[in-house]
Protein backbone atom coordinates (compact mmCIF):
# COMPACT_ATOMS: atom_id res chain seq x y z
CA MET A 1 -0.03 0.05 0.07
CA ASP A 2 1.29 3.40 -0.87
CA SER A 3 2.85 5.01 2.20
CA ARG A 4 1.48 8.39 1.27
CA LEU A 5 -2.05 7.13 2.28
CA PHE A 6 -0.86 6.96 5.88
CA ASP A 7 0.48 10.49 5.77
CA ASP A 8 -2.77 11.66 4.12
CA LEU A 9 -4.75 10.03 6.85
CA GLN A 10 -2.79 11.84 9.46
CA GLN A 11 -2.97 15.12 7.83
CA THR A 12 -6.88 14.70 7.40
CA LEU A 13 -7.27 13.71 10.97
CA SER A 14 -5.26 16.84 12.08
CA THR A 15 -7.05 19.35 9.84
CA ASP A 16 -10.51 17.90 9.45
CA GLY A 17 -11.06 15.46 12.30
CA PRO A 18 -11.90 11.80 12.69
CA VAL A 19 -15.10 11.64 10.64
CA ALA A 20 -13.24 13.06 7.49
CA ALA A 21 -10.27 10.79 8.09
CA ILE A 22 -12.43 7.69 8.22
CA ASP A 23 -14.50 8.70 5.18
CA LYS A 24 -11.12 9.26 3.33
CA LEU A 25 -9.97 5.71 4.15
CA CYS A 26 -13.34 4.29 3.15
CA ALA A 27 -13.15 6.02 -0.19
CA ASP A 28 -9.50 4.88 -0.74
CA LEU A 29 -10.12 1.26 0.25
CA LYS A 30 -13.17 1.18 -2.03
CA ALA A 31 -11.14 2.49 -4.98
CA ARG A 32 -8.57 -0.08 -4.38
CA LYS A 33 -11.30 -2.65 -4.07
CA GLU A 34 -9.88 -3.68 -0.79
CA TYR A 35 -13.32 -4.61 0.50
CA ALA A 36 -12.36 -6.64 3.49
CA GLY A 37 -10.59 -3.58 4.82
CA LEU A 38 -13.42 -1.42 3.98
CA PHE A 39 -15.92 -3.67 6.03
CA TYR A 40 -13.79 -3.15 9.14
CA THR A 41 -13.42 0.59 8.48
CA LEU A 42 -17.19 0.86 8.30
CA LEU A 43 -17.31 -0.85 11.73
CA MET A 44 -14.77 1.52 13.08
CA LYS A 45 -16.93 4.49 11.68
CA LYS A 46 -20.06 3.07 13.48
CA ARG A 47 -18.18 2.78 16.73
CA HIS A 48 -16.99 6.29 16.37
CA GLU A 49 -20.51 7.45 15.71
CA LEU A 50 -21.56 5.57 18.94
CA GLY A 51 -18.97 7.39 20.97
CA VAL A 52 -16.94 4.32 21.93
CA SER A 53 -13.27 3.40 21.27
CA PRO A 54 -12.75 2.95 17.40
CA ILE A 55 -10.64 -0.05 18.36
CA ALA A 56 -12.62 -3.30 17.98
CA THR A 57 -12.01 -6.02 20.54
CA GLY A 58 -13.38 -8.77 18.55
CA SER A 59 -16.34 -9.68 20.91
CA ASN A 60 -17.71 -6.12 21.04
CA GLN A 61 -18.39 -6.85 24.86
CA ASP A 62 -16.64 -3.48 25.58
CA LEU A 63 -19.88 -1.77 24.18
CA PRO A 64 -22.47 -0.62 26.70
CA PRO A 65 -25.56 -2.85 26.55
CA ALA A 66 -27.67 0.05 25.37
CA LEU A 67 -25.47 0.30 22.26
CA HIS A 68 -25.46 -3.30 21.29
CA GLN A 69 -28.53 -3.22 18.93
CA ALA A 70 -27.17 -0.04 17.22
CA PHE A 71 -23.81 -1.60 16.59
CA GLU A 72 -25.47 -4.84 15.26
CA ASP A 73 -27.33 -2.59 12.81
CA GLY A 74 -24.06 -1.15 11.84
CA ILE A 75 -22.60 -4.58 11.21
CA ARG A 76 -25.47 -5.42 8.91
CA GLU A 77 -25.24 -2.15 7.00
CA ALA A 78 -21.51 -2.78 6.53
CA ALA A 79 -21.95 -6.43 5.45
CA ARG A 80 -24.67 -5.36 2.87
CA THR A 81 -22.47 -2.58 1.49
CA VAL A 82 -19.40 -4.74 1.07
CA GLY A 83 -21.46 -7.94 -0.17
CA LYS A 84 -23.00 -5.61 -2.88
CA LEU A 85 -19.56 -4.40 -3.90
CA TRP A 86 -18.26 -8.07 -4.40
CA LEU A 87 -21.47 -8.91 -6.30
CA ASP A 88 -20.82 -5.94 -8.55
CA GLU A 89 -17.35 -7.35 -9.11
CA GLY A 90 -18.89 -10.82 -10.01
CA ASP A 91 -17.21 -12.57 -7.09
CA ILE A 92 -20.12 -14.48 -5.53
CA PRO A 93 -18.13 -16.53 -2.96
CA GLN A 94 -16.63 -13.34 -1.45
CA ALA A 95 -20.12 -11.71 -1.51
CA TRP A 96 -21.64 -14.70 0.09
CA ALA A 97 -19.41 -14.52 2.99
CA TYR A 98 -20.99 -11.22 3.98
CA TYR A 99 -24.62 -12.06 3.15
CA ARG A 100 -24.29 -15.33 4.98
CA MET A 101 -23.45 -13.62 8.21
CA LEU A 102 -26.83 -11.85 7.78
CA GLY A 103 -28.73 -14.88 6.70
CA GLU A 104 -29.77 -13.12 3.53
CA THR A 105 -29.87 -15.29 0.51
CA GLU A 106 -31.92 -13.34 -2.15
CA PRO A 107 -29.21 -10.93 -3.43
CA VAL A 108 -26.83 -13.82 -4.02
CA ALA A 109 -29.55 -16.06 -5.46
CA GLN A 110 -30.32 -13.26 -8.01
CA ALA A 111 -26.63 -13.12 -8.88
CA LEU A 112 -26.44 -16.93 -9.29
CA ASP A 113 -29.47 -16.71 -11.66
CA LYS A 114 -27.45 -14.42 -14.04
CA VAL A 115 -24.17 -16.58 -14.09
CA GLU A 116 -23.22 -18.15 -17.55
CA LEU A 117 -20.65 -20.97 -16.90
CA LYS A 118 -17.38 -20.71 -18.76
CA GLU A 119 -15.82 -23.89 -20.13
CA ASP A 120 -12.67 -23.62 -18.04
CA GLN A 121 -14.32 -22.15 -14.99
CA ASP A 122 -13.92 -23.74 -11.50
CA VAL A 123 -17.59 -24.14 -10.78
CA GLN A 124 -17.36 -26.02 -7.51
CA PRO A 125 -17.36 -22.94 -5.20
CA ILE A 126 -20.52 -21.50 -6.65
CA ILE A 127 -22.17 -24.99 -6.80
CA ASP A 128 -21.36 -25.29 -3.16
CA ILE A 129 -23.10 -21.95 -2.49
CA ALA A 130 -25.99 -22.53 -4.85
CA PHE A 131 -26.87 -26.22 -4.01
CA HIS A 132 -25.10 -27.46 -0.84
CA GLN A 133 -25.66 -24.24 1.06
CA GLY A 134 -29.15 -23.79 -0.28
CA VAL A 135 -28.95 -20.40 -1.83
CA HIS A 136 -30.30 -21.45 -5.31
CA PRO A 137 -30.58 -25.28 -5.28
CA ARG A 138 -32.45 -25.47 -8.61
CA LYS A 139 -29.64 -23.56 -10.31
CA GLY A 140 -26.96 -25.51 -8.37
CA PHE A 141 -28.51 -28.74 -9.45
CA GLU A 142 -28.62 -27.69 -13.06
CA TRP A 143 -24.98 -26.95 -12.97
CA ILE A 144 -24.20 -30.33 -11.30
CA LEU A 145 -25.97 -32.09 -14.03
CA ARG A 146 -24.42 -30.03 -16.83
CA ARG A 147 -20.82 -30.08 -15.57
CA TYR A 148 -20.66 -33.46 -13.86
CA GLY A 149 -23.14 -35.47 -15.58
CA ILE A 150 -25.96 -37.84 -14.52
CA CYS A 151 -24.06 -40.17 -12.34
CA SER A 152 -22.80 -37.37 -10.04
CA SER A 153 -26.38 -35.93 -10.09
CA ILE A 154 -28.01 -39.19 -9.01
CA THR A 155 -25.33 -39.55 -6.24
CA THR A 156 -26.05 -35.94 -5.07
CA MET A 157 -29.74 -36.60 -4.95
CA ALA A 158 -29.41 -39.96 -3.19
CA GLY A 159 -26.82 -38.68 -0.62
CA GLY A 160 -29.26 -38.37 2.20
CA ASP A 161 -32.30 -36.13 3.10
CA LEU A 162 -31.79 -32.78 1.14
CA PRO A 163 -32.87 -29.85 3.36
CA PHE A 164 -34.98 -28.37 0.52
CA PRO A 165 -38.69 -28.00 0.07
CA LEU A 166 -40.58 -30.82 -1.81
CA GLU A 167 -41.02 -28.61 -4.92
CA VAL A 168 -37.20 -28.05 -5.20
CA ARG A 169 -36.47 -31.86 -4.79
CA GLN A 170 -39.11 -32.52 -7.39
CA ASP A 171 -37.57 -30.05 -9.77
CA CYS A 172 -34.25 -31.83 -9.50
CA ILE A 173 -35.83 -35.15 -10.14
CA LYS A 174 -37.56 -33.64 -13.27
CA ARG A 175 -34.29 -32.66 -14.56
CA LEU A 176 -32.69 -35.97 -13.97
CA ILE A 177 -35.53 -37.69 -15.83
CA ARG A 178 -35.40 -35.26 -18.84
CA ALA A 179 -31.59 -35.80 -19.04
CA LEU A 180 -31.70 -39.56 -18.99
CA HIS A 181 -34.68 -39.63 -21.28
CA GLU A 182 -32.97 -37.45 -23.76
CA GLU A 183 -29.75 -39.62 -23.58
CA LEU A 184 -31.74 -42.84 -24.20
CA PHE A 185 -33.70 -41.29 -27.03
CA GLU A 186 -30.53 -40.00 -28.83
CA ARG A 187 -28.78 -43.30 -28.39
CA LEU A 188 -31.66 -45.28 -29.69
CA LYS A 189 -31.79 -43.03 -32.61
CA ALA A 190 -28.14 -43.42 -33.32
CA GLU A 191 -28.32 -47.12 -33.07
CA ILE A 192 -31.24 -47.46 -35.36
CA GLN A 193 -29.58 -45.16 -37.96
CA ARG A 194 -26.32 -47.17 -37.75
CA LYS A 195 -28.19 -50.53 -38.10
CA GLN A 196 -30.84 -49.47 -40.67
CA GLY A 197 -29.11 -46.73 -42.57
CA PHE A 198 -31.75 -44.07 -42.15
CA ALA A 199 -32.91 -41.71 -39.39
CA PRO A 200 -36.15 -43.11 -37.50
CA THR A 201 -39.19 -41.00 -37.43
CA GLY A 202 -40.43 -42.04 -33.98
CA LYS A 203 -41.03 -39.16 -31.56
CA THR A 204 -40.91 -41.32 -28.37
CA ILE A 205 -38.86 -44.23 -26.85
CA ALA A 206 -41.88 -46.44 -27.41
CA GLU A 207 -42.12 -45.66 -31.10
CA LEU A 208 -38.36 -46.21 -31.52
CA MET A 209 -38.43 -49.65 -29.81
CA ALA A 210 -41.59 -50.85 -31.77
CA GLY A 211 -40.81 -53.69 -34.00
CA ARG A 212 -37.10 -53.67 -33.30
CA ASP A 213 -36.34 -56.27 -30.91
CA TRP A 214 -32.85 -56.46 -32.32
CA LEU A 215 -32.11 -53.42 -30.32
CA PHE A 216 -31.91 -55.77 -27.25
CA ALA A 217 -30.35 -58.70 -28.85
CA ASP A 218 -27.20 -60.27 -27.25
CA GLU A 219 -28.30 -58.57 -23.95
CA PHE A 220 -27.45 -55.19 -25.30
CA TYR A 221 -28.41 -52.05 -23.55
CA HIS A 222 -27.92 -48.29 -24.39
CA ILE A 223 -27.50 -46.43 -21.06
CA ASP A 224 -26.13 -47.11 -17.66
CA LEU A 225 -28.53 -49.52 -15.99
CA SER A 226 -27.82 -48.25 -12.51
CA HIS A 227 -28.85 -44.70 -13.79
CA LEU A 228 -32.01 -46.23 -15.19
CA SER A 229 -32.91 -48.01 -12.06
CA ALA A 230 -32.21 -44.87 -9.72
CA VAL A 231 -34.05 -42.37 -11.90
CA VAL A 232 -37.15 -44.60 -12.28
CA GLN A 233 -37.20 -44.98 -8.45
CA MET A 234 -36.99 -41.31 -7.84
CA SER A 235 -39.70 -40.56 -10.29
CA ALA A 236 -42.26 -42.06 -7.96
CA GLN A 237 -41.79 -38.94 -5.80
CA LEU A 238 -43.36 -36.68 -8.46
CA ASP A 239 -46.91 -35.55 -8.86
CA ASN A 240 -48.62 -35.62 -12.24
CA CYS A 241 -46.40 -33.80 -14.75
CA ASP A 242 -44.86 -34.26 -18.22
CA GLU A 243 -41.82 -35.99 -16.67
CA LEU A 244 -43.93 -38.86 -15.28
CA GLY A 245 -44.76 -39.75 -18.93
CA MET A 246 -40.96 -39.79 -19.72
CA ALA A 247 -40.36 -41.88 -16.64
CA ARG A 248 -42.88 -44.40 -17.91
CA GLU A 249 -41.05 -44.58 -21.16
CA LEU A 250 -37.90 -45.39 -19.12
CA CYS A 251 -39.93 -48.20 -17.40
CA GLN A 252 -41.12 -49.55 -20.79
CA TYR A 253 -37.55 -49.56 -21.88
CA GLY A 254 -36.38 -51.43 -18.79
CA GLN A 255 -39.00 -54.09 -19.48
CA ARG A 256 -37.46 -54.81 -22.81
CA LEU A 257 -34.03 -55.58 -21.37
CA SER A 258 -32.58 -58.96 -20.93
CA PRO A 259 -34.01 -60.87 -18.08
CA ARG A 260 -30.55 -60.74 -16.45
CA PHE A 261 -30.87 -56.97 -16.12
CA GLN A 262 -34.50 -57.13 -14.68
CA GLN A 263 -33.35 -56.05 -11.34
CA VAL A 264 -35.19 -57.68 -8.51
CA THR A 265 -36.13 -55.35 -5.83
CA ASP A 266 -38.25 -55.52 -2.64
CA PRO A 267 -42.04 -55.82 -2.94
CA PRO A 268 -44.26 -54.18 -4.06
CA PHE A 269 -41.66 -53.29 -6.75
CA GLU A 270 -40.18 -56.74 -7.25
CA ASN A 271 -40.65 -56.53 -11.08
CA GLN A 272 -39.20 -53.17 -10.98
CA TYR A 273 -39.96 -51.55 -14.26
CA GLN A 274 -43.42 -53.16 -14.60
CA ASP A 275 -44.46 -52.24 -11.15
CA TYR A 276 -43.15 -48.64 -11.29
CA GLU A 277 -44.91 -48.25 -14.61
CA VAL A 278 -48.14 -49.21 -13.00
CA PHE A 279 -47.43 -46.86 -10.05
CA LEU A 280 -46.69 -43.93 -12.34
CA SER A 281 -49.59 -44.59 -14.47
CA ILE A 282 -51.91 -44.27 -11.24
CA LEU A 283 -50.27 -40.80 -10.66
CA GLN A 284 -51.00 -39.79 -14.03
CA GLY A 285 -54.66 -40.81 -13.77
CA ASP A 286 -54.32 -43.74 -16.31
CA ASP A 287 -56.24 -46.96 -15.43
CA VAL A 288 -56.30 -45.93 -11.93
CA GLU A 289 -58.58 -48.61 -10.53
CA LYS A 290 -56.68 -51.32 -12.43
CA GLY A 291 -53.55 -49.99 -10.91
CA LEU A 292 -54.73 -49.84 -7.35
CA ALA A 293 -55.95 -53.44 -7.83
CA HIS A 294 -52.44 -54.23 -8.72
CA PHE A 295 -51.07 -52.97 -5.59
CA ARG A 296 -53.87 -54.22 -3.34
CA ALA A 297 -53.22 -57.62 -4.42
CA LYS A 298 -49.55 -57.12 -3.43
CA ALA A 299 -50.58 -55.98 0.00
CA GLU A 300 -52.87 -58.97 0.36
CA ASN A 301 -50.33 -61.39 -0.71
CA ALA A 302 -47.41 -60.16 1.24
CA ASP A 303 -46.15 -62.61 3.84
CA PRO A 304 -45.65 -60.50 7.04
CA GLU A 305 -42.74 -62.82 8.26
CA THR A 306 -40.67 -62.33 5.05
CA VAL A 307 -41.88 -59.16 3.22
CA GLY A 308 -43.22 -57.24 6.06
CA THR A 309 -45.90 -54.39 5.66
CA TYR A 310 -44.19 -52.31 3.13
CA PRO A 311 -46.55 -53.17 0.37
CA ALA A 312 -49.47 -52.02 2.38
CA GLU A 313 -47.65 -48.85 3.37
CA VAL A 314 -47.03 -47.99 -0.22
CA LEU A 315 -50.75 -48.58 -0.99
CA VAL A 316 -51.69 -46.39 1.84
CA ASN A 317 -49.46 -43.54 0.66
CA LEU A 318 -50.53 -43.92 -2.76
CA LEU A 319 -54.27 -43.55 -1.71
CA LEU A 320 -53.39 -40.59 0.21
CA ARG A 321 -51.70 -38.88 -2.74
CA LEU A 322 -54.91 -39.63 -4.72
CA GLY A 323 -56.79 -37.82 -2.06
CA ARG A 324 -58.70 -41.06 -1.04
CA LYS A 325 -58.24 -40.76 2.72
CA ASP A 326 -61.15 -43.06 3.73
CA GLU A 327 -59.74 -45.97 1.66
CA ALA A 328 -56.38 -45.28 3.09
CA LEU A 329 -57.84 -45.55 6.60
CA GLU A 330 -59.54 -48.88 5.76
CA THR A 331 -56.31 -50.17 4.10
CA SER A 332 -54.32 -49.11 7.20
CA ARG A 333 -56.95 -50.69 9.60
CA ARG A 334 -56.74 -53.98 7.70
CA PHE A 335 -53.01 -54.24 7.31
CA LEU A 336 -51.28 -51.82 9.69
CA ALA A 337 -53.46 -51.02 12.76
CA ARG A 338 -51.79 -54.07 14.61
CA LEU A 339 -48.46 -52.30 14.51
CA GLY A 340 -49.77 -49.59 16.84
CA GLU A 341 -47.30 -46.60 16.91
CA ALA A 342 -44.45 -48.52 15.25
CA ARG A 343 -42.59 -46.41 12.79
CA THR A 344 -43.78 -46.91 9.15
CA SER A 345 -43.28 -45.10 5.82
CA CYS A 346 -46.93 -43.97 5.92
CA PRO A 347 -49.05 -42.20 8.52
CA SER A 348 -50.10 -44.52 11.41
CA PHE A 349 -53.63 -45.83 11.83
CA VAL A 350 -54.17 -43.40 14.71
CA GLU A 351 -52.98 -40.41 12.51
CA LEU A 352 -55.25 -41.41 9.82
CA CYS A 353 -58.10 -41.61 12.24
CA GLN A 354 -57.35 -37.94 13.09
CA GLN A 355 -56.93 -36.93 9.49
CA THR A 356 -60.34 -38.59 8.54
CA ARG A 357 -61.94 -37.59 11.88
CA ASN A 358 -63.19 -41.16 12.18
CA PHE A 359 -62.69 -41.68 15.80
CA GLN A 360 -65.15 -44.40 16.13
CA ALA A 361 -62.83 -46.42 13.99
CA LEU A 362 -60.08 -45.77 16.53
CA ALA A 363 -62.24 -46.90 19.32
CA ASP A 364 -63.40 -49.94 17.64
CA VAL A 365 -59.82 -51.02 16.78
CA ALA A 366 -58.61 -50.25 20.29
CA ARG A 367 -61.28 -52.42 21.75
CA GLU A 368 -60.35 -55.30 19.54
CA GLN A 369 -56.62 -54.69 20.65
CA GLU A 370 -57.63 -54.41 24.31
CA ASN A 371 -56.09 -50.91 24.46
CA PRO A 372 -58.40 -48.90 26.91
CA VAL A 373 -56.49 -45.77 26.52
CA ASN A 374 -57.05 -45.41 22.74
CA TYR A 375 -60.59 -46.76 23.17
CA LEU A 376 -61.55 -43.95 25.71
CA ALA A 377 -59.70 -41.28 23.55
CA GLY A 378 -61.66 -42.26 20.53
CA LEU A 379 -64.99 -42.34 22.25
CA ILE A 380 -64.29 -38.80 23.73
CA ALA A 381 -63.03 -37.46 20.45
CA ALA A 382 -66.00 -38.98 18.58
CA ARG A 383 -68.41 -36.92 20.85
CA THR A 384 -66.95 -33.60 19.91
CA ALA A 385 -66.06 -34.43 16.18
């Protein structure tokens, strides 16, 4: 740093006083883009305005209690000022350091939305801010998918409970479905053109596969099968949308694979691609009653000793997603009420009684189970329902 600055600061302090000297230092640091120093200078300015020592102790415990709130306001103002300067410079990680201390994400999210990735850019810092720190998870996942591919994106989504709202998680799953669907569609087209010598006219995966059993000859497949399995399973978390149709096409592709690649999973999805296609068709409102019968049969035929109650839990959750709470309650009463308050993947029988306000059912089952507490609770609740 130019030594003349120190002389100028001393001169300004002598002739014009502390406020002018502090303002001069702020202006100089801003011009030099030394924003970290500017932040602490702004804090010094606030301390001087409050009539306390300009020397920060780190903990600010030297301030009288009556001044704490005013100084906290000064910290927030300084952080916003410096954070905005870093955003204007296009340095999102530096800016985030200041906005993070305020718990303010919107200015950084807006900046992330405008970022155009460069080919040789190190994207990990902004991906970390956008996705892993939750500032703009949709944008962050878009970058993960674009820069690191489907495999890393699946790993990211499967890496534990993401602290995002349901709509954000669903948006990420939709992006995955679209990416894998596009990859499979283009590879099928390329294989058909290579084999038959002309570009196929089919607009869907089903149309490309129709009449072309040779696509699967010699146990051939066209995309990573672990990706196919993972994305199909994730798709069950979506509500009705265009991507569900794409996921069903992925299921149809999976059903054409060699039996050796027909992955056997736990009931009620033991025939993975067939069962998931039925599940997704229900969510899309296609052959709903037929689909529900499919899963009711699985719940009825499940051996509690070997399979457990998961098929019934899936059916209960599916009925709830369809808004059929009374049927969900009846299914729970038949298959799950005996579990009491045991943890399951669906609401318990007692919770469903509360959701449907069918407290008589709670009392009836409690009597069958010789549970006087729930019996009396059900009777009392039924009187006031």
